Amino acid sequence: MPKIVDETARQQAIGQAVWRIAETEGLHQATVRRVAEEAGLSVGSLRRSFPTQASLYEYAMALIIERLEGRLGDGKGIAQVAPLEQVVILLKNFLPLGDEQATEMRVWLSFSAEAQHSVALRSLNDSMFDRTRGYMVSVLQYLVEQEVLAEDIDLNKEAGALHAFLDGLTLHCLLRPEVVTEEKVDEALRSYFDRMIA
């Protein structure tokens, strides 16, 4: 009887193999041959799913986006907390506050650097940037609708500032995780919005 292969699970395992190599050895070491070895596959088997190294990188990068969107979409029963607390909980999904998210973010930064030399990766990187900025607009709009923030705020300007603030927090979390703890992140996010409310 022929072996049934779950192609989605197989592709995810390959994408995660790219992440492991990128994180421990550097993205330049994530060659098709090295990824196949890490994933326990033959090169030919891997190439059936990803015929080029570029397609392999594109998938591994898209998998990070998929994971983030899954975390944002699940909401984890936050409807019962106050609007500002909801926003703090949701925004923390963008930050490397656990081992898995830290891995994703370190690998994303590697891909972002590589995107400067790859049209396909740059397209994904730009898309993620634009979607994140759009999410910031939605979050701020929600706080306006809930009368947490004033109606006259400039949503686009504030979304840009919030996006940049999260990028800064991301780097701090990665560089000094023993200092920039989840508790400190909570404080920083609440202080950020307190400034806007005052």
N, C-alpha and C. Protein backbone atom coordinates (compact mmCIF):
# COMPACT_ATOMS: atom_id res chain seq x y z
N MET A 1 0.86 -1.19 0.00
CA MET A 1 0.00 0.00 0.00
C MET A 1 0.89 1.24 0.00
N PRO A 2 0.62 2.23 -0.88
CA PRO A 2 1.48 3.42 -0.95
C PRO A 2 1.38 4.26 0.31
N LYS A 3 2.51 4.86 0.68
CA LYS A 3 2.55 5.70 1.87
C LYS A 3 1.83 7.01 1.59
N ILE A 4 0.95 7.41 2.53
CA ILE A 4 0.21 8.67 2.38
C ILE A 4 1.02 9.77 3.07
N VAL A 5 1.31 10.82 2.32
CA VAL A 5 2.12 11.92 2.85
C VAL A 5 1.23 13.14 3.05
N ASP A 6 1.25 13.71 4.24
CA ASP A 6 0.55 14.95 4.53
C ASP A 6 1.46 16.08 4.03
N GLU A 7 1.14 16.58 2.84
CA GLU A 7 2.02 17.56 2.19
C GLU A 7 2.15 18.85 3.00
N THR A 8 1.04 19.27 3.62
CA THR A 8 1.10 20.51 4.42
C THR A 8 2.05 20.35 5.60
N ALA A 9 1.91 19.23 6.31
CA ALA A 9 2.79 18.97 7.46
C ALA A 9 4.24 18.85 7.00
N ARG A 10 4.44 18.22 5.86
CA ARG A 10 5.79 18.04 5.32
C ARG A 10 6.41 19.39 4.97
N GLN A 11 5.64 20.24 4.33
CA GLN A 11 6.15 21.57 3.98
C GLN A 11 6.46 22.39 5.23
N GLN A 12 5.61 22.29 6.25
CA GLN A 12 5.87 23.02 7.49
C GLN A 12 7.16 22.53 8.15
N ALA A 13 7.37 21.21 8.12
CA ALA A 13 8.60 20.64 8.69
C ALA A 13 9.82 21.16 7.93
N ILE A 14 9.69 21.30 6.62
CA ILE A 14 10.79 21.83 5.81
C ILE A 14 11.02 23.30 6.14
N GLY A 15 9.94 24.07 6.25
CA GLY A 15 10.05 25.49 6.60
C GLY A 15 10.73 25.67 7.96
N GLN A 16 10.37 24.83 8.91
CA GLN A 16 10.97 24.92 10.24
C GLN A 16 12.43 24.50 10.22
N ALA A 17 12.78 23.59 9.31
CA ALA A 17 14.19 23.22 9.14
C ALA A 17 14.99 24.43 8.65
N VAL A 18 14.40 25.20 7.75
CA VAL A 18 15.06 26.44 7.28
C VAL A 18 15.27 27.37 8.47
N TRP A 19 14.24 27.52 9.31
CA TRP A 19 14.35 28.41 10.47
C TRP A 19 15.50 27.98 11.38
N ARG A 20 15.56 26.67 11.69
CA ARG A 20 16.59 26.18 12.62
C ARG A 20 17.99 26.48 12.10
N ILE A 21 18.18 26.25 10.81
CA ILE A 21 19.50 26.50 10.22
C ILE A 21 19.80 28.00 10.22
N ALA A 22 18.81 28.79 9.80
CA ALA A 22 19.00 30.24 9.75
C ALA A 22 19.34 30.80 11.12
N GLU A 23 18.69 30.27 12.15
CA GLU A 23 18.91 30.79 13.50
C GLU A 23 20.26 30.37 14.07
N THR A 24 20.67 29.14 13.81
CA THR A 24 21.89 28.63 14.45
C THR A 24 23.15 28.80 13.59
N GLU A 25 22.97 28.79 12.26
CA GLU A 25 24.14 28.82 11.38
C GLU A 25 24.16 30.02 10.44
N GLY A 26 23.03 30.71 10.34
CA GLY A 26 22.92 31.82 9.41
C GLY A 26 22.15 31.42 8.17
N LEU A 27 21.38 32.34 7.62
CA LEU A 27 20.52 32.03 6.48
C LEU A 27 21.31 31.54 5.28
N HIS A 28 22.53 32.06 5.09
CA HIS A 28 23.34 31.65 3.93
C HIS A 28 23.66 30.16 3.96
N GLN A 29 23.56 29.53 5.15
CA GLN A 29 23.82 28.09 5.25
C GLN A 29 22.58 27.24 4.93
N ALA A 30 21.43 27.90 4.78
CA ALA A 30 20.19 27.15 4.52
C ALA A 30 20.05 26.83 3.04
N THR A 31 21.00 26.05 2.53
CA THR A 31 20.97 25.60 1.14
C THR A 31 19.96 24.46 1.01
N VAL A 32 19.57 24.14 -0.20
CA VAL A 32 18.63 23.05 -0.43
C VAL A 32 19.18 21.76 0.17
N ARG A 33 20.44 21.50 -0.08
CA ARG A 33 21.07 20.27 0.45
C ARG A 33 21.06 20.24 1.98
N ARG A 34 21.43 21.37 2.59
CA ARG A 34 21.51 21.42 4.06
C ARG A 34 20.12 21.32 4.69
N VAL A 35 19.12 21.96 4.07
CA VAL A 35 17.75 21.91 4.58
C VAL A 35 17.19 20.50 4.45
N ALA A 36 17.46 19.85 3.32
CA ALA A 36 17.01 18.46 3.14
C ALA A 36 17.59 17.57 4.24
N GLU A 37 18.85 17.76 4.52
CA GLU A 37 19.51 16.97 5.58
C GLU A 37 18.85 17.24 6.94
N GLU A 38 18.62 18.50 7.24
CA GLU A 38 18.01 18.89 8.52
C GLU A 38 16.58 18.34 8.65
N ALA A 39 15.86 18.30 7.53
CA ALA A 39 14.47 17.82 7.55
C ALA A 39 14.38 16.30 7.41
N GLY A 40 15.52 15.62 7.20
CA GLY A 40 15.51 14.17 7.06
C GLY A 40 14.94 13.70 5.73
N LEU A 41 15.19 14.49 4.67
CA LEU A 41 14.67 14.17 3.34
C LEU A 41 15.82 14.09 2.35
N SER A 42 15.56 13.47 1.22
CA SER A 42 16.52 13.52 0.13
C SER A 42 16.38 14.86 -0.58
N VAL A 43 17.41 15.28 -1.27
CA VAL A 43 17.35 16.53 -2.03
C VAL A 43 16.24 16.46 -3.07
N GLY A 44 16.12 15.32 -3.74
CA GLY A 44 15.08 15.15 -4.76
C GLY A 44 13.69 15.29 -4.18
N SER A 45 13.48 14.72 -2.99
CA SER A 45 12.18 14.81 -2.33
C SER A 45 11.85 16.25 -1.97
N LEU A 46 12.84 16.97 -1.45
CA LEU A 46 12.60 18.36 -1.08
C LEU A 46 12.30 19.20 -2.32
N ARG A 47 13.03 18.92 -3.40
CA ARG A 47 12.84 19.71 -4.63
C ARG A 47 11.47 19.49 -5.27
N ARG A 48 10.81 18.39 -4.93
CA ARG A 48 9.44 18.21 -5.45
C ARG A 48 8.50 19.26 -4.88
N SER A 49 8.76 19.67 -3.66
CA SER A 49 7.93 20.73 -3.05
C SER A 49 8.48 22.12 -3.33
N PHE A 50 9.81 22.21 -3.33
CA PHE A 50 10.47 23.52 -3.50
C PHE A 50 11.59 23.37 -4.51
N PRO A 51 11.29 23.62 -5.78
CA PRO A 51 12.28 23.38 -6.83
C PRO A 51 13.50 24.29 -6.78
N THR A 52 13.39 25.44 -6.12
CA THR A 52 14.53 26.35 -6.04
C THR A 52 14.74 26.80 -4.60
N GLN A 53 15.93 27.31 -4.34
CA GLN A 53 16.20 27.84 -3.00
C GLN A 53 15.32 29.05 -2.72
N ALA A 54 15.05 29.84 -3.75
CA ALA A 54 14.18 31.01 -3.57
C ALA A 54 12.79 30.59 -3.13
N SER A 55 12.24 29.54 -3.76
CA SER A 55 10.90 29.09 -3.38
C SER A 55 10.89 28.54 -1.95
N LEU A 56 11.98 27.94 -1.54
CA LEU A 56 12.13 27.44 -0.18
C LEU A 56 12.12 28.59 0.81
N TYR A 57 12.86 29.64 0.52
CA TYR A 57 12.92 30.81 1.40
C TYR A 57 11.56 31.52 1.45
N GLU A 58 10.93 31.63 0.28
CA GLU A 58 9.62 32.29 0.23
C GLU A 58 8.62 31.57 1.13
N TYR A 59 8.62 30.24 1.05
CA TYR A 59 7.68 29.47 1.87
C TYR A 59 8.00 29.65 3.36
N ALA A 60 9.27 29.54 3.72
CA ALA A 60 9.65 29.65 5.14
C ALA A 60 9.29 31.03 5.68
N MET A 61 9.40 32.06 4.86
CA MET A 61 9.04 33.42 5.26
C MET A 61 7.52 33.54 5.38
N ALA A 62 6.80 32.99 4.41
CA ALA A 62 5.34 33.04 4.44
C ALA A 62 4.78 32.27 5.64
N LEU A 63 5.49 31.21 6.06
CA LEU A 63 5.05 30.42 7.21
C LEU A 63 5.09 31.27 8.49
N ILE A 64 6.06 32.16 8.60
CA ILE A 64 6.12 33.05 9.77
C ILE A 64 4.91 33.98 9.77
N ILE A 65 4.56 34.51 8.60
CA ILE A 65 3.39 35.38 8.49
C ILE A 65 2.13 34.61 8.89
N GLU A 66 2.02 33.38 8.41
CA GLU A 66 0.87 32.54 8.73
C GLU A 66 0.75 32.31 10.24
N ARG A 67 1.87 32.05 10.89
CA ARG A 67 1.87 31.82 12.34
C ARG A 67 1.40 33.07 13.09
N LEU A 68 1.92 34.23 12.68
CA LEU A 68 1.52 35.47 13.33
C LEU A 68 0.03 35.72 13.16
N GLU A 69 -0.46 35.55 11.94
CA GLU A 69 -1.88 35.79 11.69
C GLU A 69 -2.74 34.81 12.48
N GLY A 70 -2.26 33.59 12.67
CA GLY A 70 -2.98 32.62 13.48
C GLY A 70 -3.09 33.07 14.93
N ARG A 71 -1.99 33.62 15.46
CA ARG A 71 -2.02 34.11 16.84
C ARG A 71 -2.96 35.30 16.98
N LEU A 72 -2.92 36.19 16.00
CA LEU A 72 -3.79 37.38 16.05
C LEU A 72 -5.26 36.99 15.91
N GLY A 73 -5.50 35.98 15.10
CA GLY A 73 -6.88 35.57 14.82
C GLY A 73 -7.53 34.82 15.95
N ASP A 74 -6.71 34.17 16.79
CA ASP A 74 -7.34 33.31 17.78
C ASP A 74 -7.91 34.09 18.97
N GLY A 75 -7.36 35.26 19.27
CA GLY A 75 -7.98 36.14 20.27
C GLY A 75 -7.94 35.66 21.71
N LYS A 76 -7.83 34.38 21.94
CA LYS A 76 -7.70 33.77 23.27
C LYS A 76 -8.65 34.37 24.30
N GLY A 77 -9.92 34.49 23.96
CA GLY A 77 -10.94 34.90 24.93
C GLY A 77 -10.70 36.24 25.58
N ILE A 78 -10.33 37.24 24.78
CA ILE A 78 -10.02 38.55 25.35
C ILE A 78 -11.22 39.49 25.38
N ALA A 79 -12.36 39.04 24.88
CA ALA A 79 -13.52 39.93 24.79
C ALA A 79 -13.96 40.46 26.15
N GLN A 80 -13.68 39.72 27.22
CA GLN A 80 -14.16 40.13 28.54
C GLN A 80 -13.29 41.18 29.22
N VAL A 81 -12.14 41.53 28.63
CA VAL A 81 -11.28 42.54 29.25
C VAL A 81 -11.50 43.90 28.58
N ALA A 82 -11.05 44.95 29.25
CA ALA A 82 -11.24 46.32 28.75
C ALA A 82 -10.56 46.50 27.40
N PRO A 83 -11.06 47.42 26.56
CA PRO A 83 -10.51 47.61 25.21
C PRO A 83 -9.01 47.82 25.16
N LEU A 84 -8.47 48.64 26.06
CA LEU A 84 -7.03 48.90 26.03
C LEU A 84 -6.24 47.63 26.37
N GLU A 85 -6.75 46.84 27.31
CA GLU A 85 -6.09 45.58 27.66
C GLU A 85 -6.14 44.61 26.48
N GLN A 86 -7.26 44.61 25.75
CA GLN A 86 -7.37 43.77 24.55
C GLN A 86 -6.26 44.12 23.57
N VAL A 87 -6.06 45.41 23.36
CA VAL A 87 -5.06 45.88 22.41
C VAL A 87 -3.66 45.50 22.87
N VAL A 88 -3.37 45.64 24.14
CA VAL A 88 -2.06 45.27 24.67
C VAL A 88 -1.80 43.78 24.43
N ILE A 89 -2.80 42.94 24.72
CA ILE A 89 -2.68 41.49 24.51
C ILE A 89 -2.42 41.18 23.04
N LEU A 90 -3.18 41.82 22.15
CA LEU A 90 -3.03 41.55 20.72
C LEU A 90 -1.66 42.01 20.20
N LEU A 91 -1.23 43.19 20.61
CA LEU A 91 0.05 43.71 20.11
C LEU A 91 1.23 42.87 20.57
N LYS A 92 1.11 42.23 21.72
CA LYS A 92 2.20 41.38 22.21
C LYS A 92 2.46 40.19 21.28
N ASN A 93 1.47 39.86 20.44
CA ASN A 93 1.67 38.79 19.46
C ASN A 93 2.75 39.14 18.44
N PHE A 94 3.02 40.42 18.26
CA PHE A 94 4.05 40.85 17.31
C PHE A 94 5.45 40.78 17.91
N LEU A 95 5.53 40.54 19.20
CA LEU A 95 6.81 40.64 19.91
C LEU A 95 7.37 39.26 20.27
N PRO A 96 8.69 39.14 20.31
CA PRO A 96 9.34 37.84 20.59
C PRO A 96 9.38 37.54 22.09
N LEU A 97 8.21 37.20 22.65
CA LEU A 97 8.09 37.01 24.10
C LEU A 97 8.11 35.55 24.53
N GLY A 98 8.34 34.66 23.62
CA GLY A 98 8.50 33.25 23.95
C GLY A 98 9.54 32.67 23.02
N ASP A 99 9.98 31.46 23.31
CA ASP A 99 11.04 30.85 22.49
C ASP A 99 10.63 30.76 21.02
N GLU A 100 9.40 30.32 20.77
CA GLU A 100 8.94 30.14 19.39
C GLU A 100 8.87 31.48 18.66
N GLN A 101 8.30 32.48 19.32
CA GLN A 101 8.18 33.78 18.68
C GLN A 101 9.55 34.45 18.51
N ALA A 102 10.46 34.20 19.44
CA ALA A 102 11.81 34.76 19.32
C ALA A 102 12.52 34.14 18.12
N THR A 103 12.35 32.83 17.94
CA THR A 103 12.94 32.17 16.77
C THR A 103 12.37 32.76 15.49
N GLU A 104 11.04 32.88 15.43
CA GLU A 104 10.41 33.43 14.23
C GLU A 104 10.94 34.83 13.93
N MET A 105 11.10 35.64 14.98
CA MET A 105 11.53 37.02 14.74
C MET A 105 12.99 37.09 14.31
N ARG A 106 13.86 36.28 14.92
CA ARG A 106 15.26 36.29 14.50
C ARG A 106 15.38 35.85 13.04
N VAL A 107 14.61 34.83 12.68
CA VAL A 107 14.64 34.34 11.30
C VAL A 107 14.04 35.40 10.36
N TRP A 108 12.95 36.04 10.80
CA TRP A 108 12.34 37.09 9.97
C TRP A 108 13.35 38.20 9.68
N LEU A 109 14.11 38.59 10.69
CA LEU A 109 15.11 39.64 10.47
C LEU A 109 16.18 39.19 9.48
N SER A 110 16.54 37.90 9.52
CA SER A 110 17.49 37.37 8.53
C SER A 110 16.90 37.45 7.12
N PHE A 111 15.63 37.06 7.00
CA PHE A 111 14.96 37.14 5.71
C PHE A 111 14.85 38.58 5.23
N SER A 112 14.56 39.50 6.15
CA SER A 112 14.42 40.91 5.79
C SER A 112 15.73 41.45 5.23
N ALA A 113 16.84 41.03 5.82
CA ALA A 113 18.14 41.45 5.29
C ALA A 113 18.36 40.86 3.90
N GLU A 114 18.02 39.59 3.73
CA GLU A 114 18.17 38.93 2.42
C GLU A 114 17.23 39.54 1.38
N ALA A 115 16.09 40.07 1.85
CA ALA A 115 15.09 40.66 0.94
C ALA A 115 15.64 41.86 0.18
N GLN A 116 16.70 42.45 0.68
CA GLN A 116 17.30 43.58 -0.03
C GLN A 116 17.92 43.14 -1.35
N HIS A 117 18.11 41.82 -1.52
CA HIS A 117 18.74 41.28 -2.73
C HIS A 117 17.84 40.33 -3.50
N SER A 118 16.58 40.18 -3.05
CA SER A 118 15.66 39.22 -3.67
C SER A 118 14.30 39.87 -3.89
N VAL A 119 13.87 39.92 -5.15
CA VAL A 119 12.59 40.54 -5.48
C VAL A 119 11.44 39.82 -4.79
N ALA A 120 11.46 38.48 -4.81
CA ALA A 120 10.36 37.70 -4.21
C ALA A 120 10.29 37.92 -2.70
N LEU A 121 11.44 37.87 -2.04
CA LEU A 121 11.45 38.07 -0.59
C LEU A 121 11.10 39.51 -0.24
N ARG A 122 11.54 40.44 -1.07
CA ARG A 122 11.21 41.84 -0.81
C ARG A 122 9.71 42.05 -0.89
N SER A 123 9.06 41.38 -1.83
CA SER A 123 7.61 41.49 -1.96
C SER A 123 6.91 41.00 -0.70
N LEU A 124 7.37 39.86 -0.15
CA LEU A 124 6.79 39.35 1.09
C LEU A 124 7.09 40.28 2.26
N ASN A 125 8.30 40.79 2.30
CA ASN A 125 8.70 41.70 3.38
C ASN A 125 7.86 42.98 3.33
N ASP A 126 7.68 43.51 2.13
CA ASP A 126 6.88 44.73 1.97
C ASP A 126 5.42 44.47 2.33
N SER A 127 4.92 43.30 1.93
CA SER A 127 3.53 42.95 2.24
C SER A 127 3.32 42.87 3.75
N MET A 128 4.28 42.25 4.45
CA MET A 128 4.18 42.14 5.90
C MET A 128 4.22 43.52 6.54
N PHE A 129 5.10 44.37 6.05
CA PHE A 129 5.19 45.74 6.57
C PHE A 129 3.84 46.45 6.40
N ASP A 130 3.27 46.38 5.20
CA ASP A 130 2.01 47.07 4.91
C ASP A 130 0.86 46.49 5.73
N ARG A 131 0.83 45.17 5.88
CA ARG A 131 -0.24 44.55 6.66
C ARG A 131 -0.12 44.91 8.14
N THR A 132 1.12 44.96 8.63
CA THR A 132 1.33 45.35 10.03
C THR A 132 0.89 46.79 10.24
N ARG A 133 1.26 47.66 9.32
CA ARG A 133 0.85 49.06 9.43
C ARG A 133 -0.68 49.16 9.39
N GLY A 134 -1.32 48.40 8.51
CA GLY A 134 -2.78 48.39 8.45
C GLY A 134 -3.40 47.89 9.74
N TYR A 135 -2.76 46.91 10.36
CA TYR A 135 -3.25 46.38 11.63
C TYR A 135 -3.15 47.45 12.71
N MET A 136 -2.09 48.24 12.69
CA MET A 136 -1.95 49.32 13.67
C MET A 136 -3.07 50.35 13.50
N VAL A 137 -3.41 50.66 12.25
CA VAL A 137 -4.53 51.57 11.99
C VAL A 137 -5.82 51.00 12.58
N SER A 138 -6.05 49.70 12.37
CA SER A 138 -7.28 49.06 12.87
C SER A 138 -7.35 49.10 14.39
N VAL A 139 -6.23 48.84 15.03
CA VAL A 139 -6.16 48.84 16.50
C VAL A 139 -6.49 50.24 17.04
N LEU A 140 -5.90 51.24 16.43
CA LEU A 140 -6.15 52.61 16.88
C LEU A 140 -7.59 53.03 16.60
N GLN A 141 -8.10 52.63 15.45
CA GLN A 141 -9.50 52.93 15.12
C GLN A 141 -10.44 52.29 16.14
N TYR A 142 -10.13 51.07 16.54
CA TYR A 142 -10.92 50.38 17.56
C TYR A 142 -10.92 51.17 18.87
N LEU A 143 -9.75 51.67 19.27
CA LEU A 143 -9.67 52.44 20.52
C LEU A 143 -10.42 53.77 20.41
N VAL A 144 -10.47 54.35 19.21
CA VAL A 144 -11.27 55.56 19.00
C VAL A 144 -12.75 55.22 19.14
N GLU A 145 -13.17 54.12 18.49
CA GLU A 145 -14.57 53.70 18.56
C GLU A 145 -15.00 53.37 19.98
N GLN A 146 -14.06 52.86 20.79
CA GLN A 146 -14.37 52.52 22.18
C GLN A 146 -14.19 53.72 23.11
N GLU A 147 -13.93 54.89 22.52
CA GLU A 147 -13.79 56.15 23.24
C GLU A 147 -12.62 56.12 24.24
N VAL A 148 -11.61 55.34 23.90
CA VAL A 148 -10.37 55.33 24.68
C VAL A 148 -9.46 56.45 24.18
N LEU A 149 -9.44 56.63 22.87
CA LEU A 149 -8.64 57.69 22.25
C LEU A 149 -9.57 58.73 21.63
N ALA A 150 -9.07 59.94 21.49
CA ALA A 150 -9.86 61.03 20.92
C ALA A 150 -10.15 60.78 19.45
N GLU A 151 -11.29 61.27 18.99
CA GLU A 151 -11.72 61.07 17.60
C GLU A 151 -10.81 61.79 16.61
N ASP A 152 -10.15 62.84 17.06
CA ASP A 152 -9.40 63.67 16.11
C ASP A 152 -7.94 63.24 15.92
N ILE A 153 -7.56 62.08 16.43
CA ILE A 153 -6.17 61.67 16.22
C ILE A 153 -5.93 61.35 14.75
N ASP A 154 -4.72 61.57 14.32
CA ASP A 154 -4.33 61.25 12.95
C ASP A 154 -3.96 59.76 12.92
N LEU A 155 -4.88 58.93 12.44
CA LEU A 155 -4.69 57.48 12.50
C LEU A 155 -3.44 57.01 11.77
N ASN A 156 -3.21 57.54 10.58
CA ASN A 156 -2.04 57.09 9.80
C ASN A 156 -0.73 57.48 10.47
N LYS A 157 -0.68 58.71 10.97
CA LYS A 157 0.53 59.17 11.65
C LYS A 157 0.79 58.35 12.91
N GLU A 158 -0.25 58.14 13.71
CA GLU A 158 -0.09 57.38 14.95
C GLU A 158 0.20 55.90 14.68
N ALA A 159 -0.37 55.36 13.59
CA ALA A 159 -0.09 53.97 13.23
C ALA A 159 1.39 53.80 12.89
N GLY A 160 1.95 54.78 12.18
CA GLY A 160 3.37 54.73 11.86
C GLY A 160 4.23 54.78 13.11
N ALA A 161 3.84 55.63 14.06
CA ALA A 161 4.60 55.74 15.31
C ALA A 161 4.48 54.46 16.13
N LEU A 162 3.29 53.88 16.19
CA LEU A 162 3.09 52.64 16.95
C LEU A 162 3.87 51.48 16.33
N HIS A 163 3.86 51.43 15.01
CA HIS A 163 4.61 50.39 14.29
C HIS A 163 6.10 50.51 14.62
N ALA A 164 6.62 51.71 14.56
CA ALA A 164 8.04 51.94 14.87
C ALA A 164 8.35 51.60 16.32
N PHE A 165 7.43 51.93 17.22
CA PHE A 165 7.60 51.62 18.64
C PHE A 165 7.68 50.10 18.84
N LEU A 166 6.81 49.35 18.18
CA LEU A 166 6.84 47.89 18.28
C LEU A 166 8.13 47.32 17.71
N ASP A 167 8.61 47.89 16.61
CA ASP A 167 9.89 47.43 16.04
C ASP A 167 11.02 47.64 17.04
N GLY A 168 11.02 48.77 17.72
CA GLY A 168 12.03 49.04 18.74
C GLY A 168 11.93 48.06 19.90
N LEU A 169 10.71 47.80 20.36
CA LEU A 169 10.51 46.82 21.43
C LEU A 169 10.99 45.43 21.00
N THR A 170 10.75 45.10 19.74
CA THR A 170 11.18 43.80 19.22
C THR A 170 12.68 43.64 19.36
N LEU A 171 13.43 44.65 18.93
CA LEU A 171 14.89 44.58 19.03
C LEU A 171 15.34 44.50 20.48
N HIS A 172 14.71 45.26 21.35
CA HIS A 172 15.07 45.23 22.76
C HIS A 172 14.81 43.85 23.36
N CYS A 173 13.68 43.25 23.00
CA CYS A 173 13.35 41.90 23.50
C CYS A 173 14.38 40.87 23.04
N LEU A 174 14.82 41.00 21.79
CA LEU A 174 15.79 40.04 21.25
C LEU A 174 17.18 40.26 21.83
N LEU A 175 17.57 41.52 22.00
CA LEU A 175 18.92 41.83 22.44
C LEU A 175 19.11 41.67 23.95
N ARG A 176 18.07 41.98 24.73
CA ARG A 176 18.18 41.91 26.19
C ARG A 176 16.95 41.24 26.80
N PRO A 177 16.70 39.97 26.47
CA PRO A 177 15.49 39.31 26.97
C PRO A 177 15.43 39.21 28.49
N GLU A 178 16.60 39.20 29.13
CA GLU A 178 16.61 39.12 30.59
C GLU A 178 16.21 40.44 31.23
N VAL A 179 16.28 41.53 30.48
CA VAL A 179 15.89 42.86 30.98
C VAL A 179 14.50 43.23 30.48
N VAL A 180 14.27 43.05 29.19
CA VAL A 180 12.98 43.43 28.59
C VAL A 180 12.06 42.22 28.67
N THR A 181 11.52 42.01 29.85
CA THR A 181 10.64 40.88 30.14
C THR A 181 9.22 41.18 29.66
N GLU A 182 8.36 40.19 29.72
CA GLU A 182 6.96 40.41 29.33
C GLU A 182 6.32 41.46 30.22
N GLU A 183 6.66 41.46 31.50
CA GLU A 183 6.13 42.47 32.42
C GLU A 183 6.55 43.87 31.98
N LYS A 184 7.82 44.02 31.58
CA LYS A 184 8.32 45.33 31.13
C LYS A 184 7.64 45.74 29.82
N VAL A 185 7.38 44.76 28.95
CA VAL A 185 6.69 45.05 27.70
C VAL A 185 5.27 45.54 27.98
N ASP A 186 4.58 44.87 28.90
CA ASP A 186 3.23 45.32 29.30
C ASP A 186 3.28 46.78 29.76
N GLU A 187 4.23 47.09 30.62
CA GLU A 187 4.37 48.46 31.14
C GLU A 187 4.63 49.45 30.00
N ALA A 188 5.51 49.05 29.08
CA ALA A 188 5.87 49.95 27.97
C ALA A 188 4.66 50.22 27.07
N LEU A 189 3.91 49.18 26.77
CA LEU A 189 2.74 49.36 25.90
C LEU A 189 1.67 50.21 26.59
N ARG A 190 1.44 49.96 27.88
CA ARG A 190 0.44 50.77 28.59
C ARG A 190 0.89 52.23 28.68
N SER A 191 2.17 52.44 28.93
CA SER A 191 2.70 53.81 28.99
C SER A 191 2.57 54.51 27.65
N TYR A 192 2.79 53.74 26.57
CA TYR A 192 2.66 54.31 25.23
C TYR A 192 1.26 54.87 25.02
N PHE A 193 0.25 54.08 25.37
CA PHE A 193 -1.12 54.54 25.18
C PHE A 193 -1.54 55.59 26.20
N ASP A 194 -1.00 55.51 27.43
CA ASP A 194 -1.29 56.53 28.42
C ASP A 194 -0.89 57.90 27.90
N ARG A 195 0.25 57.95 27.20
CA ARG A 195 0.72 59.21 26.61
C ARG A 195 -0.30 59.78 25.64
N MET A 196 -0.97 58.89 24.90
CA MET A 196 -1.95 59.33 23.90
C MET A 196 -3.27 59.75 24.56
N ILE A 197 -3.58 59.12 25.70
CA ILE A 197 -4.84 59.41 26.38
C ILE A 197 -4.76 60.72 27.15
N ALA A 198 -3.56 60.98 27.71
CA ALA A 198 -3.39 62.16 28.58
C ALA A 198 -3.65 63.47 27.82
